[in-house]
Protein backbone atom coordinates (compact mmCIF):
# COMPACT_ATOMS: atom_id res chain seq x y z
CA MET A 1 49.96 -90.07 210.70
CA GLU A 2 49.23 -93.70 209.55
CA LEU A 3 45.28 -95.35 210.58
CA ALA A 4 46.79 -98.14 212.40
CA ASP A 5 48.09 -95.90 214.26
CA ILE A 6 44.71 -94.77 215.58
CA LEU A 7 42.66 -97.11 214.05
CA PRO A 8 42.08 -100.05 217.12
CA GLU A 9 41.44 -103.84 215.29
CA GLU A 10 38.36 -104.07 217.64
CA SER A 11 37.40 -101.13 216.54
CA VAL A 12 36.08 -102.06 212.51
CA LEU A 13 32.56 -102.54 212.37
CA PHE A 14 30.04 -103.66 210.28
CA CYS A 15 26.50 -103.47 210.99
CA THR A 16 22.61 -104.15 209.72
CA ASP A 17 20.73 -102.81 212.18
CA ILE A 18 21.44 -99.27 211.90
CA LYS A 19 18.86 -96.67 210.46
CA THR A 20 19.81 -93.32 211.41
CA LYS A 21 21.98 -91.10 211.94
CA HIS A 22 22.17 -91.10 215.33
CA ASP A 23 22.32 -94.75 215.63
CA VAL A 24 25.41 -94.30 214.07
CA LEU A 25 26.55 -92.06 216.90
CA LYS A 26 25.22 -94.11 219.67
CA ARG A 27 27.26 -96.87 218.77
CA LEU A 28 30.03 -95.28 217.13
CA ALA A 29 29.89 -94.19 221.09
CA GLU A 30 29.68 -97.42 222.50
CA ARG A 31 32.58 -98.50 220.97
CA ALA A 32 35.12 -95.76 221.44
CA SER A 33 33.48 -95.80 224.82
CA LYS A 34 36.03 -99.85 225.16
CA ALA A 35 38.93 -98.16 224.07
CA THR A 36 39.09 -94.64 225.77
CA GLY A 37 36.88 -95.16 229.40
CA HIS A 38 35.07 -92.90 228.56
CA SER A 39 30.96 -93.06 228.83
CA ALA A 40 29.80 -93.72 225.62
CA GLN A 41 26.53 -90.64 227.32
CA GLU A 42 29.48 -88.49 227.19
CA LEU A 43 31.28 -89.74 224.49
CA PHE A 44 27.31 -89.30 222.17
CA ASP A 45 27.32 -85.78 223.67
CA ALA A 46 30.54 -85.06 222.10
CA LEU A 47 29.76 -86.30 218.72
CA ASN A 48 25.59 -84.90 218.87
CA ASP A 49 27.71 -81.62 220.16
CA ARG A 50 29.38 -81.03 216.85
CA GLU A 51 27.66 -82.29 214.43
CA SER A 52 24.75 -79.90 215.87
CA LEU A 53 27.21 -77.33 213.74
CA GLY A 54 27.03 -78.49 211.16
CA SER A 55 26.88 -82.19 209.07
CA THR A 56 30.12 -84.30 208.56
CA GLY A 57 29.80 -86.13 205.88
CA LEU A 58 31.54 -85.14 203.59
CA GLY A 59 29.45 -86.45 200.58
CA ASN A 60 30.13 -90.11 198.43
CA GLY A 61 28.47 -92.15 201.06
CA ILE A 62 31.46 -91.33 203.60
CA ALA A 63 31.25 -89.22 205.80
CA VAL A 64 33.78 -88.57 209.34
CA PRO A 65 32.30 -87.19 212.67
CA HIS A 66 34.14 -86.51 214.82
CA GLY A 67 35.05 -84.32 218.68
CA LYS A 68 36.64 -83.33 221.43
CA MET A 69 37.47 -85.30 224.78
CA VAL A 70 38.99 -83.56 228.43
CA GLY A 71 41.26 -86.96 229.48
CA LEU A 72 41.64 -88.23 226.23
CA LYS A 73 45.21 -89.77 225.73
CA ARG A 74 45.48 -89.70 222.22
CA VAL A 75 43.16 -89.51 219.04
CA VAL A 76 41.42 -92.42 218.40
CA ALA A 77 39.24 -93.83 215.41
CA VAL A 78 36.19 -95.79 215.59
CA PHE A 79 34.89 -96.85 211.21
CA ILE A 80 31.22 -98.60 210.71
CA LYS A 81 30.16 -99.79 207.26
CA LEU A 82 26.57 -99.92 207.07
CA SER A 83 24.79 -102.57 204.86
CA THR A 84 21.61 -99.54 204.84
CA PRO A 85 23.29 -96.30 204.26
CA VAL A 86 21.78 -93.90 206.45
CA ASP A 87 20.11 -89.61 205.84
CA PHE A 88 23.19 -87.71 207.55
CA ASP A 89 22.78 -84.51 206.25
CA SER A 90 25.50 -84.78 203.76
CA VAL A 91 26.76 -81.69 201.77
CA ASP A 92 25.51 -83.59 197.94
CA ASP A 93 22.37 -84.40 200.22
CA GLN A 94 23.33 -88.70 200.11
CA PRO A 95 22.56 -90.92 202.67
CA VAL A 96 26.12 -92.65 203.92
CA ASP A 97 27.77 -96.13 204.73
CA LEU A 98 31.41 -95.25 205.64
CA VAL A 99 31.80 -94.06 208.87
CA MET A 100 34.54 -92.93 209.68
CA MET A 101 34.94 -91.03 213.63
CA LEU A 102 38.05 -89.59 215.36
CA LEU A 103 37.98 -87.98 218.75
CA ALA A 104 41.70 -86.49 220.36
CA PRO A 105 42.48 -85.10 222.99
CA VAL A 106 41.27 -81.42 224.09
CA GLY A 107 44.39 -79.05 222.59
CA ALA A 108 45.55 -81.06 220.23
CA GLY A 109 44.89 -79.18 217.01
CA ALA A 110 47.85 -80.44 215.10
CA ASP A 111 47.58 -84.19 215.56
CA HIS A 112 43.42 -84.10 214.97
CA LEU A 113 43.78 -82.12 212.12
CA LYS A 114 46.44 -84.93 211.08
CA ALA A 115 43.90 -87.60 211.32
CA LEU A 116 41.23 -85.56 209.31
CA ALA A 117 43.27 -84.87 206.89
CA ARG A 118 44.22 -88.60 207.22
CA VAL A 119 40.50 -90.25 206.87
CA ALA A 120 39.53 -88.40 204.40
CA ARG A 121 42.34 -89.07 202.05
CA VAL A 122 42.33 -92.35 203.05
CA LEU A 123 38.10 -92.52 202.62
CA ARG A 124 38.13 -90.31 199.78
CA THR A 125 39.93 -92.45 196.95
CA ASP A 126 38.18 -94.35 195.03
CA SER A 127 40.11 -97.64 194.47
CA ILE A 128 39.63 -98.04 198.94
CA ALA A 129 35.92 -96.61 198.84
CA GLU A 130 35.18 -99.36 196.77
CA ASN A 131 37.00 -101.26 198.22
CA LEU A 132 35.18 -101.76 201.76
CA ARG A 133 31.90 -101.34 200.02
CA ARG A 134 32.72 -105.10 198.39
CA SER A 135 33.79 -105.99 202.26
CA THR A 136 31.55 -107.17 204.82
CA ASP A 137 33.66 -108.51 206.81
CA PRO A 138 35.58 -106.90 210.30
CA ALA A 139 39.18 -107.61 209.81
CA ARG A 140 39.17 -107.73 205.57
CA LEU A 141 37.56 -103.36 206.58
CA TYR A 142 39.91 -102.81 208.49
CA SER A 143 43.08 -104.66 206.56
CA ILE A 144 41.99 -102.27 203.61
CA LEU A 145 42.17 -99.65 205.82
CA THR A 146 45.85 -99.68 206.97
CA GLN A 147 47.50 -100.50 203.91
CA PRO A 148 49.75 -97.90 202.65
CA LEU A 149 47.60 -95.70 199.94
CA GLU A 150 50.14 -96.47 197.08
CA THR A 151 49.32 -99.42 197.78
CA THR A 152 45.74 -99.23 197.18
CA LYS A 153 46.05 -97.33 194.04
CA ALA A 154 46.91 -100.18 191.88
CA ALA A 155 44.44 -102.76 194.17
């Protein structure tokens, strides 16, 4: 599974106005609402419910909030790069500035896990994270996220 399969270019954002984890989840839900047809509140509740089980902050400034939704047809992703990192209760207690949200249909176990693994692999590749942090242009961020991993190691 490639990120381009689940991440539309219009779902890659650079945000300067987000101050809290709640704001992050709210903005993710708003953008995902446009891609899924589900209400932003319903999506926020799913993300927030998952987050209440334990933070999805992976460390190194990266978070991957995720959830499952009844009625989704496929896995959907939204990426936000924050201009100012926010506290996300991450495992390393460091603030987060790179956030990739995943929503999957209920019952999409394998696809959901493949997407989570792919996102974690991409975002934990040092060269990719560095390139994402150097850019504020959503089109460039999308390009970095969706290029084949082999190419990004040399970038």
